[in-house]
N, C-alpha and C. Protein backbone atom coordinates (compact mmCIF):
# COMPACT_ATOMS: atom_id res chain seq x y z
N MET A 1 -2.45 -251.02 67.80
CA MET A 1 -2.90 -251.80 67.13
C MET A 1 -4.80 -250.58 67.23
N ALA A 2 -5.52 -249.94 66.82
CA ALA A 2 -6.43 -249.94 66.85
C ALA A 2 -7.75 -250.78 66.29
N ALA A 3 -8.77 -250.76 67.18
CA ALA A 3 -9.74 -252.07 67.82
C ALA A 3 -10.59 -252.47 66.03
N LEU A 4 -10.51 -253.80 66.01
CA LEU A 4 -11.20 -253.70 64.56
C LEU A 4 -12.57 -253.65 65.20
N ARG A 5 -12.98 -253.95 66.65
CA ARG A 5 -14.36 -254.57 66.68
C ARG A 5 -15.26 -253.83 67.90
N PHE A 6 -16.01 -253.47 68.45
CA PHE A 6 -16.75 -252.22 68.59
C PHE A 6 -17.50 -253.27 70.30
N ASP A 7 -17.21 -253.40 70.79
CA ASP A 7 -18.67 -254.14 71.50
C ASP A 7 -20.11 -253.36 72.28
N ARG A 8 -20.79 -253.30 72.55
CA ARG A 8 -21.76 -253.18 72.34
C ARG A 8 -21.51 -251.25 73.57
N PHE A 9 -21.05 -251.16 74.19
CA PHE A 9 -20.37 -250.36 75.11
C PHE A 9 -19.79 -248.88 73.64
N ARG A 10 -19.22 -249.78 73.20
CA ARG A 10 -18.39 -248.89 73.23
C ARG A 10 -19.22 -248.42 71.51
N PHE A 11 -19.78 -248.85 71.40
CA PHE A 11 -21.00 -248.76 70.06
C PHE A 11 -21.50 -247.92 70.83
N PHE A 12 -22.09 -247.58 72.21
CA PHE A 12 -23.03 -246.53 72.58
C PHE A 12 -22.02 -245.27 72.87
N ALA A 13 -20.77 -246.31 73.24
CA ALA A 13 -20.30 -244.50 73.81
C ALA A 13 -19.59 -243.68 72.15
N PHE A 14 -19.10 -244.83 70.92
CA PHE A 14 -19.02 -243.45 70.18
C PHE A 14 -20.19 -243.17 69.07
N GLY A 15 -20.79 -244.71 68.91
CA GLY A 15 -21.97 -244.30 67.33
C GLY A 15 -23.16 -243.96 67.64
N LEU A 16 -23.46 -244.94 69.03
CA LEU A 16 -24.32 -243.76 69.37
C LEU A 16 -25.36 -242.09 69.81
N VAL A 17 -23.09 -242.37 70.53
CA VAL A 17 -23.47 -239.84 71.47
C VAL A 17 -22.99 -239.92 70.26
N SER A 18 -22.64 -239.91 68.91
CA SER A 18 -22.14 -239.00 67.50
C SER A 18 -23.32 -239.45 66.91
N VAL A 19 -24.56 -240.37 66.74
CA VAL A 19 -25.87 -240.26 65.67
C VAL A 19 -26.73 -238.95 66.79
N LEU A 20 -26.79 -238.84 68.41
CA LEU A 20 -26.95 -237.67 68.39
C LEU A 20 -27.04 -237.15 68.46
N ASN A 21 -25.25 -236.46 68.22
CA ASN A 21 -25.28 -235.42 68.13
C ASN A 21 -25.44 -234.86 66.45
N VAL A 22 -25.45 -235.34 65.81
CA VAL A 22 -25.80 -235.35 64.10
C VAL A 22 -27.71 -234.83 63.58
N LEU A 23 -27.91 -235.58 64.74
CA LEU A 23 -29.50 -234.62 65.53
C LEU A 23 -29.59 -233.42 65.81
N GLY A 24 -28.92 -233.38 66.96
CA GLY A 24 -29.47 -232.19 67.89
C GLY A 24 -28.29 -231.00 67.00
N LEU A 25 -26.88 -231.63 66.50
CA LEU A 25 -26.64 -230.34 65.25
C LEU A 25 -26.74 -230.22 63.89
N LEU A 26 -27.95 -231.02 63.88
CA LEU A 26 -29.24 -230.42 62.29
C LEU A 26 -30.62 -229.90 62.28
N VAL A 27 -30.98 -230.37 63.82
CA VAL A 27 -32.16 -229.83 64.61
C VAL A 27 -31.28 -227.90 64.72
N HIS A 28 -30.00 -227.54 65.31
CA HIS A 28 -29.59 -226.91 65.12
C HIS A 28 -29.52 -225.59 63.93
N GLY A 29 -29.11 -226.72 62.68
CA GLY A 29 -28.81 -225.78 61.77
C GLY A 29 -30.43 -225.06 60.85
N LEU A 30 -31.17 -226.27 61.36
CA LEU A 30 -32.62 -225.83 60.87
C LEU A 30 -33.00 -224.44 61.74
N ASN A 31 -32.47 -224.54 62.78
CA ASN A 31 -32.73 -223.02 63.44
C ASN A 31 -32.18 -221.58 63.03
N LEU A 32 -31.61 -222.24 62.79
CA LEU A 32 -30.00 -220.89 62.28
C LEU A 32 -30.45 -220.20 60.55
N SER A 33 -30.88 -221.58 60.00
CA SER A 33 -31.80 -221.46 58.63
C SER A 33 -32.48 -220.91 58.56
N THR A 34 -33.39 -221.14 59.60
CA THR A 34 -35.06 -220.09 59.40
C THR A 34 -35.18 -219.28 59.81
N GLY A 35 -34.26 -218.44 61.05
CA GLY A 35 -33.49 -217.13 61.80
C GLY A 35 -34.29 -217.55 63.12
N GLY A 36 -34.00 -218.22 63.58
CA GLY A 36 -35.45 -218.71 64.77
C GLY A 36 -33.83 -218.44 66.35
N ALA A 37 -34.52 -218.22 67.38
CA ALA A 37 -33.99 -218.19 68.63
C ALA A 37 -32.65 -218.96 68.28
N ARG A 38 -31.75 -218.55 69.27
CA ARG A 38 -30.79 -219.81 69.69
C ARG A 38 -30.89 -220.73 70.63
N GLY A 39 -32.11 -220.51 71.12
CA GLY A 39 -31.83 -222.24 72.29
C GLY A 39 -30.81 -221.76 73.18
N LEU A 40 -30.40 -223.01 72.70
CA LEU A 40 -29.42 -223.55 73.84
C LEU A 40 -27.83 -222.30 73.84
N LEU A 41 -27.51 -222.35 72.21
CA LEU A 41 -26.62 -221.70 71.48
C LEU A 41 -27.15 -220.40 71.63
N ARG A 42 -27.28 -219.84 72.69
CA ARG A 42 -27.63 -218.18 72.33
C ARG A 42 -26.43 -217.80 71.82
N GLY A 43 -26.36 -216.61 70.92
CA GLY A 43 -25.21 -215.25 70.48
C GLY A 43 -24.34 -216.62 69.89
N SER A 44 -24.86 -217.13 69.41
CA SER A 44 -23.41 -217.93 69.13
C SER A 44 -23.87 -217.87 67.62
N GLU A 45 -23.49 -217.03 66.43
CA GLU A 45 -23.01 -216.72 65.23
C GLU A 45 -22.89 -217.87 64.40
N THR A 46 -22.72 -218.92 64.77
CA THR A 46 -22.56 -220.36 63.78
C THR A 46 -22.98 -220.20 62.22
N SER A 47 -21.93 -219.90 61.52
CA SER A 47 -23.11 -219.97 59.79
C SER A 47 -23.23 -221.80 59.50
N LEU A 48 -24.13 -221.83 59.48
CA LEU A 48 -24.66 -223.15 58.64
C LEU A 48 -23.63 -223.99 57.89
N PRO A 49 -23.34 -223.85 56.86
CA PRO A 49 -22.28 -224.97 56.88
C PRO A 49 -21.04 -225.01 57.68
N VAL A 50 -21.31 -223.90 58.44
CA VAL A 50 -20.18 -224.94 59.43
C VAL A 50 -20.90 -225.88 60.12
N VAL A 51 -21.49 -225.48 60.68
CA VAL A 51 -22.44 -226.81 61.62
C VAL A 51 -22.99 -227.38 60.95
N LEU A 52 -22.73 -227.61 59.49
CA LEU A 52 -23.56 -229.63 58.09
C LEU A 52 -22.07 -230.00 58.77
N ALA A 53 -20.52 -228.39 58.67
CA ALA A 53 -19.28 -229.83 58.29
C ALA A 53 -19.26 -230.84 59.44
N ILE A 54 -19.84 -230.11 60.48
CA ILE A 54 -19.37 -230.66 62.21
C ILE A 54 -20.17 -231.89 62.63
N ALA A 55 -21.40 -231.76 61.73
CA ALA A 55 -22.40 -232.82 61.60
C ALA A 55 -21.88 -233.93 61.05
N ALA A 56 -21.54 -233.68 59.70
CA ALA A 56 -21.13 -234.54 58.89
C ALA A 56 -20.20 -235.57 59.09
N THR A 57 -18.88 -234.92 60.41
CA THR A 57 -17.77 -235.18 61.13
C THR A 57 -18.68 -235.96 61.87
N CYS A 58 -18.92 -236.01 62.57
CA CYS A 58 -20.33 -236.56 63.85
C CYS A 58 -20.98 -237.62 62.99
N LEU A 59 -21.49 -238.23 61.83
CA LEU A 59 -22.23 -238.66 61.08
C LEU A 59 -20.58 -239.85 60.42
N LEU A 60 -19.76 -239.18 60.13
CA LEU A 60 -18.07 -239.76 59.82
C LEU A 60 -17.63 -240.73 60.78
N VAL A 61 -18.36 -240.37 62.33
CA VAL A 61 -17.23 -240.86 63.44
C VAL A 61 -18.58 -242.40 63.52
N ALA A 62 -20.00 -242.11 63.20
CA ALA A 62 -21.06 -243.01 63.80
C ALA A 62 -21.05 -244.33 63.10
N ALA A 63 -20.20 -243.19 61.70
CA ALA A 63 -20.43 -244.89 60.39
C ALA A 63 -18.70 -245.71 61.02
N VAL A 64 -17.92 -244.90 61.51
CA VAL A 64 -16.96 -245.85 61.77
C VAL A 64 -17.06 -247.00 62.88
N ALA A 65 -17.70 -246.36 63.66
CA ALA A 65 -18.03 -247.70 64.85
C ALA A 65 -19.35 -247.95 64.30
N ALA A 66 -20.48 -247.51 63.28
CA ALA A 66 -20.93 -248.85 62.90
C ALA A 66 -20.30 -250.17 62.03
N VAL A 67 -19.36 -249.77 61.11
CA VAL A 67 -18.47 -250.68 60.23
C VAL A 67 -17.79 -251.34 61.48
N LYS A 68 -17.64 -250.95 62.59
CA LYS A 68 -16.93 -251.92 63.91
C LYS A 68 -17.39 -252.23 64.33
N ARG A 69 -18.70 -252.29 65.05
CA ARG A 69 -19.46 -252.75 65.63
C ARG A 69 -20.23 -253.81 64.42
N GLY A 70 -20.08 -253.33 63.48
CA GLY A 70 -20.72 -254.95 62.19
C GLY A 70 -20.07 -255.68 62.20
N ARG A 71 -18.79 -255.29 62.23
CA ARG A 71 -17.39 -256.66 62.45
C ARG A 71 -17.14 -257.94 63.91
N ASP A 72 -18.35 -257.08 64.79
CA ASP A 72 -18.54 -257.44 65.93
C ASP A 72 -19.40 -258.66 65.96
N LEU A 73 -20.87 -258.21 64.76
CA LEU A 73 -21.83 -259.12 64.23
C LEU A 73 -21.28 -260.50 63.52
N GLY A 74 -20.36 -259.88 62.68
CA GLY A 74 -20.14 -260.62 62.04
C GLY A 74 -19.94 -260.38 60.49
N TRP A 75 -20.60 -259.00 59.89
CA TRP A 75 -20.84 -258.24 59.00
C TRP A 75 -18.90 -257.95 58.11
N PRO A 76 -19.48 -258.36 56.72
CA PRO A 76 -18.56 -257.57 55.94
C PRO A 76 -18.59 -255.65 56.34
N ALA A 77 -17.40 -255.04 56.45
CA ALA A 77 -17.25 -253.59 56.21
C ALA A 77 -17.97 -253.12 54.97
N LEU A 78 -17.98 -253.32 53.99
CA LEU A 78 -18.94 -253.18 52.89
C LEU A 78 -20.59 -253.28 53.04
N VAL A 79 -20.87 -254.22 54.06
CA VAL A 79 -22.42 -254.50 54.39
C VAL A 79 -23.00 -253.25 55.12
N SER A 80 -21.64 -253.25 56.40
CA SER A 80 -21.85 -252.29 57.66
C SER A 80 -22.71 -250.97 56.43
N LEU A 81 -21.48 -250.75 55.78
CA LEU A 81 -21.11 -249.37 55.66
C LEU A 81 -22.17 -248.22 54.23
N ALA A 82 -22.54 -250.32 54.01
CA ALA A 82 -23.79 -249.71 52.93
C ALA A 82 -25.16 -249.74 53.46
N ALA A 83 -25.48 -250.16 54.28
CA ALA A 83 -25.94 -249.78 55.48
C ALA A 83 -26.66 -248.93 55.80
N CYS A 84 -25.38 -248.34 56.32
CA CYS A 84 -25.37 -246.28 56.47
C CYS A 84 -26.10 -246.18 55.77
N VAL A 85 -25.15 -246.09 53.97
CA VAL A 85 -25.76 -245.15 53.19
C VAL A 85 -26.89 -244.83 53.24
N VAL A 86 -27.56 -246.14 53.11
CA VAL A 86 -28.59 -246.61 52.59
C VAL A 86 -30.08 -246.25 53.57
N LEU A 87 -29.62 -246.33 54.52
CA LEU A 87 -30.95 -246.26 55.87
C LEU A 87 -30.72 -244.48 56.34
N THR A 88 -29.12 -243.94 55.92
CA THR A 88 -29.06 -242.34 55.87
C THR A 88 -29.94 -241.34 55.16
N SER A 89 -29.93 -242.76 53.59
CA SER A 89 -30.94 -241.53 52.63
C SER A 89 -32.03 -241.50 52.38
N LEU A 90 -32.89 -242.81 53.72
CA LEU A 90 -33.94 -242.81 53.82
C LEU A 90 -34.68 -242.24 54.79
N GLY A 91 -33.95 -241.45 55.61
CA GLY A 91 -33.99 -240.47 57.38
C GLY A 91 -33.69 -241.25 58.34
N PRO A 92 -34.89 -240.85 58.47
CA PRO A 92 -35.01 -241.81 60.57
C PRO A 92 -34.74 -243.71 60.25
N ALA A 93 -35.05 -243.47 58.95
CA ALA A 93 -34.98 -245.54 58.59
C ALA A 93 -33.53 -245.75 59.83
N VAL A 94 -32.22 -244.66 59.34
CA VAL A 94 -31.12 -244.64 60.32
C VAL A 94 -31.30 -245.38 61.51
N LEU A 95 -32.30 -244.98 62.13
CA LEU A 95 -32.20 -245.60 63.24
C LEU A 95 -32.61 -246.49 63.59
N LEU A 96 -33.62 -247.10 62.57
CA LEU A 96 -33.62 -249.12 63.39
C LEU A 96 -31.81 -249.40 63.68
N LEU A 97 -31.56 -248.92 62.18
CA LEU A 97 -30.19 -249.55 61.93
C LEU A 97 -29.06 -249.01 63.87
N VAL A 98 -29.31 -248.17 64.05
CA VAL A 98 -28.23 -248.07 65.29
C VAL A 98 -28.64 -248.63 66.02
N LEU A 99 -30.30 -248.53 66.92
CA LEU A 99 -30.79 -249.51 67.82
C LEU A 99 -30.26 -250.81 67.53
N TYR A 100 -31.03 -251.85 65.96
CA TYR A 100 -30.12 -252.90 66.56
C TYR A 100 -28.44 -253.09 66.53
N LEU A 101 -27.63 -252.62 66.08
CA LEU A 101 -26.32 -252.36 66.72
C LEU A 101 -26.48 -252.24 67.88
N ALA A 102 -27.04 -251.01 68.81
CA ALA A 102 -26.81 -251.32 69.94
C ALA A 102 -27.01 -251.70 70.58
N PHE A 103 -27.87 -252.85 70.46
CA PHE A 103 -28.66 -254.17 71.41
C PHE A 103 -28.48 -255.59 70.76
N ALA A 104 -27.77 -255.80 70.20
CA ALA A 104 -27.53 -257.01 69.10
C ALA A 104 -26.25 -257.37 69.82
N LYS A 105 -26.47 -259.07 70.01
CA LYS A 105 -25.48 -259.64 70.57
C LYS A 105 -24.40 -260.03 70.00
N GLU A 106 -23.58 -259.80 70.42
CA GLU A 106 -22.06 -259.85 69.70
C GLU A 106 -22.52 -261.25 68.80
N LYS A 107 -21.57 -262.41 67.80
CA LYS A 107 -21.80 -263.42 67.08
C LYS A 107 -20.24 -264.10 67.35
N PRO A 108 -20.53 -265.57 68.29
CA PRO A 108 -18.58 -265.49 67.84
C PRO A 108 -18.33 -266.07 67.41
N ALA A 109 -18.66 -266.38 66.20
CA ALA A 109 -17.61 -267.17 65.08
C ALA A 109 -17.02 -265.51 64.51
N ALA A 110 -17.38 -264.17 65.31
CA ALA A 110 -16.94 -263.22 64.51
C ALA A 110 -15.28 -263.45 64.93
N GLN A 111 -14.77 -264.47 64.84
CA GLN A 111 -12.90 -263.84 65.80
C GLN A 111 -11.98 -263.23 65.30
N GLN A 112 -12.48 -263.37 63.49
CA GLN A 112 -11.58 -263.29 62.64
C GLN A 112 -11.08 -261.57 62.69
N PHE A 113 -11.64 -260.51 63.74
CA PHE A 113 -11.19 -259.92 63.25
C PHE A 113 -10.64 -258.91 64.85
N GLY A 114 -11.03 -260.27 65.54
CA GLY A 114 -9.48 -260.33 66.92
C GLY A 114 -10.93 -260.78 67.97
N PRO A 115 -9.79 -260.59 69.21
CA PRO A 115 -10.91 -261.35 69.89
C PRO A 115 -11.54 -260.13 70.79
N THR A 116 -12.99 -260.83 71.64
CA THR A 116 -13.93 -259.37 71.89
C THR A 116 -13.35 -258.03 73.26
N PRO A 117 -13.08 -256.73 72.81
CA PRO A 117 -12.31 -256.13 72.80
C PRO A 117 -12.64 -256.24 74.32
N ALA A 118 -11.77 -255.73 75.49
CA ALA A 118 -11.84 -255.74 76.43
C ALA A 118 -13.03 -254.81 77.48
N PHE A 119 -12.68 -255.19 78.67
CA PHE A 119 -13.57 -254.47 79.40
C PHE A 119 -13.53 -252.78 79.33
N ALA A 120 -14.63 -251.71 78.78
CA ALA A 120 -14.13 -250.51 79.09
C ALA A 120 -13.53 -250.15 80.11
N GLY A 121 -12.97 -249.28 80.35
CA GLY A 121 -12.14 -248.79 81.54
C GLY A 121 -12.70 -247.22 81.40
N PRO A 122 -11.55 -246.47 82.02
CA PRO A 122 -11.90 -244.92 82.46
C PRO A 122 -11.05 -244.44 81.18
N THR A 123 -10.07 -245.00 79.98
CA THR A 123 -10.49 -244.20 78.55
C THR A 123 -11.70 -244.02 78.25
N THR A 124 -12.09 -245.03 78.05
CA THR A 124 -13.37 -245.59 76.85
C THR A 124 -14.12 -244.02 77.49
N TRP A 125 -14.45 -244.61 78.69
CA TRP A 125 -15.66 -242.94 80.04
C TRP A 125 -15.31 -242.14 78.48
N LEU A 126 -13.96 -241.32 79.27
CA LEU A 126 -13.26 -240.50 79.14
C LEU A 126 -13.94 -240.09 77.51
N MET A 127 -12.97 -241.02 76.44
CA MET A 127 -13.54 -240.37 75.60
C MET A 127 -14.81 -240.36 74.97
N MET A 128 -16.23 -241.12 75.51
CA MET A 128 -17.38 -240.56 75.56
C MET A 128 -17.92 -239.69 75.86
N PHE A 129 -17.72 -238.96 77.12
CA PHE A 129 -17.70 -237.65 76.97
C PHE A 129 -17.25 -236.64 76.12
N VAL A 130 -15.90 -236.98 75.31
CA VAL A 130 -15.38 -236.23 74.87
C VAL A 130 -15.90 -236.01 73.54
N ASN A 131 -16.45 -237.47 72.74
CA ASN A 131 -17.65 -237.16 71.94
C ASN A 131 -18.90 -236.90 71.57
N ALA A 132 -19.53 -236.81 72.74
CA ALA A 132 -21.19 -236.45 73.55
C ALA A 132 -20.19 -234.56 73.15
N VAL A 133 -19.27 -233.73 73.55
CA VAL A 133 -18.85 -232.10 74.00
C VAL A 133 -18.84 -231.62 72.89
N TRP A 134 -17.39 -232.42 72.38
CA TRP A 134 -16.71 -231.79 71.55
C TRP A 134 -17.28 -230.96 70.21
N PRO A 135 -19.03 -231.65 69.73
CA PRO A 135 -19.21 -230.29 68.51
C PRO A 135 -19.95 -229.77 68.38
N TRP A 136 -20.07 -229.59 70.21
CA TRP A 136 -20.81 -228.67 70.80
C TRP A 136 -19.74 -227.24 71.10
N MET A 137 -18.85 -227.66 71.23
CA MET A 137 -17.65 -226.69 71.61
C MET A 137 -16.99 -226.10 70.28
N ALA A 138 -17.14 -226.84 69.75
CA ALA A 138 -16.86 -226.25 68.16
C ALA A 138 -17.64 -225.24 67.82
N VAL A 139 -18.98 -225.48 67.88
CA VAL A 139 -20.21 -225.20 66.77
C VAL A 139 -19.73 -224.01 68.45
N LEU A 140 -19.26 -223.94 69.37
CA LEU A 140 -19.34 -222.49 69.78
C LEU A 140 -18.27 -221.74 70.12
N VAL A 141 -16.85 -222.01 70.20
CA VAL A 141 -15.86 -221.92 69.50
C VAL A 141 -16.13 -221.01 68.11
N LEU A 142 -16.32 -221.62 66.96
CA LEU A 142 -15.93 -220.80 65.49
C LEU A 142 -17.14 -219.91 66.07
N GLY A 143 -18.75 -219.98 66.67
CA GLY A 143 -18.89 -218.72 66.71
C GLY A 143 -18.53 -217.63 67.33
N ARG A 144 -18.00 -217.74 68.34
CA ARG A 144 -17.38 -216.75 68.80
C ARG A 144 -16.37 -216.39 68.16
N VAL A 145 -15.34 -216.81 67.04
CA VAL A 145 -14.13 -216.31 66.34
C VAL A 145 -15.23 -215.89 65.17
N GLY A 146 -16.17 -216.28 64.57
CA GLY A 146 -15.68 -216.41 63.30
C GLY A 146 -16.96 -214.95 63.11
């Protein structure tokens, strides 16, 4: 059974890393749309729609992490999701929600979604690395293929 709650570290591993990937991908997409130098991805001819699709996928991963972290804080899933949607539409204001979710202590009353997650082991660290790297590998591979 998948974990219904995320502690702070798991939110860092999945939510915060995904938000940072979204920001980086949007900067890369802006760079592509203005025809600027390719920077770190020099030689990558990835199209803008592909970069935006990968960024949207990362944003979806971040939203799922926010819902799971919200459950750890005792919030209903709809409240977490509504906060993500509203603050994302306000631009940089979503960073306030991300920072709050990253540093807030869990609520003891949030046990309706299961016990506190176990200590993050090597699998969580590996998944954090994969989460940090996969969007950029996808941009590079799709840039070479397309």
